[in-house]
């Protein structure tokens, strides 16, 4: 060994498109410190300026604003009934 502590997460099994679910036990046990971010570049201001918000793969219509709203079940039933 090179003097470094052995990394128990070294043997990562990457998911293939045919896998049904991720190795959840492995992910639950993993700590943030175990994730190697050294090869991931930071996002530059220029990249953020070119970013486009997408909803379902498409940009949202102009003039529309997406919100999340919690309503009482009775209010939802009222509007679904066609009042």
C-alpha atoms as a PDB file:
ATOM      1  CA  UNK A   1       0.000   0.000   0.000  1.00  0.00           C
ATOM      2  CA  UNK A   2       1.086   3.582  -0.518  1.00  0.00           C
ATOM      3  CA  UNK A   3       0.435   4.625   3.082  1.00  0.00           C
ATOM      4  CA  UNK A   4      -3.141   5.745   2.406  1.00  0.00           C
ATOM      5  CA  UNK A   5      -6.053   4.199   4.259  1.00  0.00           C
ATOM      6  CA  UNK A   6      -7.845   1.551   2.220  1.00  0.00           C
ATOM      7  CA  UNK A   7     -11.022   2.914   0.655  1.00  0.00           C
ATOM      8  CA  UNK A   8     -13.903   0.466   1.280  1.00  0.00           C
ATOM      9  CA  UNK A   9     -15.808   2.051  -1.632  1.00  0.00           C
ATOM     10  CA  UNK A  10     -13.056   1.437  -4.210  1.00  0.00           C
ATOM     11  CA  UNK A  11     -14.924  -1.423  -5.898  1.00  0.00           C
ATOM     12  CA  UNK A  12     -17.840   0.539  -7.316  1.00  0.00           C
ATOM     13  CA  UNK A  13     -20.219  -1.412  -9.520  1.00  0.00           C
ATOM     14  CA  UNK A  14     -21.448   1.018 -12.141  1.00  0.00           C
ATOM     15  CA  UNK A  15     -25.075   0.699 -13.168  1.00  0.00           C
ATOM     16  CA  UNK A  16     -25.883  -0.519 -16.630  1.00  0.00           C
ATOM     17  CA  UNK A  17     -29.147   0.321 -18.413  1.00  0.00           C
ATOM     18  CA  UNK A  18     -30.388  -3.197 -17.642  1.00  0.00           C
ATOM     19  CA  UNK A  19     -30.025  -2.825 -13.845  1.00  0.00           C
ATOM     20  CA  UNK A  20     -33.386  -2.476 -12.160  1.00  0.00           C
ATOM     21  CA  UNK A  21     -32.329  -0.485  -9.094  1.00  0.00           C
ATOM     22  CA  UNK A  22     -29.183   1.116  -7.686  1.00  0.00           C
ATOM     23  CA  UNK A  23     -27.066  -0.608  -5.027  1.00  0.00           C
ATOM     24  CA  UNK A  24     -28.893   1.272  -2.264  1.00  0.00           C
ATOM     25  CA  UNK A  25     -27.030  -0.323   0.656  1.00  0.00           C
ATOM     26  CA  UNK A  26     -23.756   0.873  -0.843  1.00  0.00           C
ATOM     27  CA  UNK A  27     -25.092   4.395  -1.376  1.00  0.00           C
ATOM     28  CA  UNK A  28     -26.653   4.608   2.086  1.00  0.00           C
ATOM     29  CA  UNK A  29     -23.334   3.727   3.716  1.00  0.00           C
ATOM     30  CA  UNK A  30     -21.280   6.129   1.581  1.00  0.00           C
ATOM     31  CA  UNK A  31     -20.212   9.381   3.211  1.00  0.00           C
ATOM     32  CA  UNK A  32     -19.815  12.711   1.410  1.00  0.00           C
ATOM     33  CA  UNK A  33     -16.075  12.576   2.110  1.00  0.00           C
ATOM     34  CA  UNK A  34     -15.836   9.349   0.070  1.00  0.00           C
ATOM     35  CA  UNK A  35     -16.942  11.030  -3.164  1.00  0.00           C
ATOM     36  CA  UNK A  36     -14.023  12.102  -5.375  1.00  0.00           C
ATOM     37  CA  UNK A  37     -14.861  15.455  -6.962  1.00  0.00           C
ATOM     38  CA  UNK A  38     -11.318  16.224  -8.129  1.00  0.00           C
ATOM     39  CA  UNK A  39     -12.043  15.552 -11.818  1.00  0.00           C
ATOM     40  CA  UNK A  40     -15.288  17.528 -11.965  1.00  0.00           C
ATOM     41  CA  UNK A  41     -14.719  21.155 -13.043  1.00  0.00           C
ATOM     42  CA  UNK A  42     -16.618  23.923 -11.296  1.00  0.00           C
ATOM     43  CA  UNK A  43     -19.399  25.652 -13.216  1.00  0.00           C
ATOM     44  CA  UNK A  44     -18.254  29.010 -14.582  1.00  0.00           C
ATOM     45  CA  UNK A  45     -20.361  32.184 -14.546  1.00  0.00           C
ATOM     46  CA  UNK A  46     -20.412  32.123 -18.363  1.00  0.00           C
ATOM     47  CA  UNK A  47     -21.908  28.622 -18.323  1.00  0.00           C
ATOM     48  CA  UNK A  48     -24.638  29.706 -15.915  1.00  0.00           C
ATOM     49  CA  UNK A  49     -25.422  32.709 -18.142  1.00  0.00           C
ATOM     50  CA  UNK A  50     -26.064  30.315 -21.071  1.00  0.00           C
ATOM     51  CA  UNK A  51     -28.171  27.920 -18.982  1.00  0.00           C
ATOM     52  CA  UNK A  52     -31.773  27.324 -20.052  1.00  0.00           C
ATOM     53  CA  UNK A  53     -34.465  26.091 -17.672  1.00  0.00           C
ATOM     54  CA  UNK A  54     -36.340  23.121 -19.105  1.00  0.00           C
ATOM     55  CA  UNK A  55     -39.496  21.357 -17.979  1.00  0.00           C
ATOM     56  CA  UNK A  56     -39.909  17.877 -19.406  1.00  0.00           C
ATOM     57  CA  UNK A  57     -37.069  18.555 -21.860  1.00  0.00           C
ATOM     58  CA  UNK A  58     -38.683  21.702 -23.265  1.00  0.00           C
ATOM     59  CA  UNK A  59     -38.269  25.350 -22.254  1.00  0.00           C
ATOM     60  CA  UNK A  60     -41.389  26.583 -20.403  1.00  0.00           C
ATOM     61  CA  UNK A  61     -43.698  28.945 -22.319  1.00  0.00           C
ATOM     62  CA  UNK A  62     -42.837  32.642 -22.009  1.00  0.00           C
ATOM     63  CA  UNK A  63     -44.805  34.475 -19.358  1.00  0.00           C
ATOM     64  CA  UNK A  64     -45.524  31.309 -17.376  1.00  0.00           C
ATOM     65  CA  UNK A  65     -44.168  30.745 -13.880  1.00  0.00           C
ATOM     66  CA  UNK A  66     -44.029  27.304 -12.272  1.00  0.00           C
ATOM     67  CA  UNK A  67     -45.071  27.166  -8.611  1.00  0.00           C
ATOM     68  CA  UNK A  68     -45.796  24.429  -6.100  1.00  0.00           C
ATOM     69  CA  UNK A  69     -48.927  24.859  -4.083  1.00  0.00           C
ATOM     70  CA  UNK A  70     -50.476  22.780  -1.310  1.00  0.00           C
ATOM     71  CA  UNK A  71     -54.252  22.985  -1.137  1.00  0.00           C
ATOM     72  CA  UNK A  72     -56.819  21.489   1.158  1.00  0.00           C
ATOM     73  CA  UNK A  73     -58.418  18.360  -0.322  1.00  0.00           C
ATOM     74  CA  UNK A  74     -61.823  20.077  -0.302  1.00  0.00           C
ATOM     75  CA  UNK A  75     -60.535  22.955  -2.428  1.00  0.00           C
ATOM     76  CA  UNK A  76     -59.057  20.541  -4.977  1.00  0.00           C
ATOM     77  CA  UNK A  77     -62.302  18.543  -5.088  1.00  0.00           C
ATOM     78  CA  UNK A  78     -64.254  21.779  -5.682  1.00  0.00           C
ATOM     79  CA  UNK A  79     -62.166  22.755  -8.713  1.00  0.00           C
ATOM     80  CA  UNK A  80     -62.133  19.205 -10.113  1.00  0.00           C
ATOM     81  CA  UNK A  81     -65.930  19.084  -9.926  1.00  0.00           C
ATOM     82  CA  UNK A  82     -66.189  22.006 -12.345  1.00  0.00           C
ATOM     83  CA  UNK A  83     -67.843  24.157  -9.663  1.00  0.00           C
END
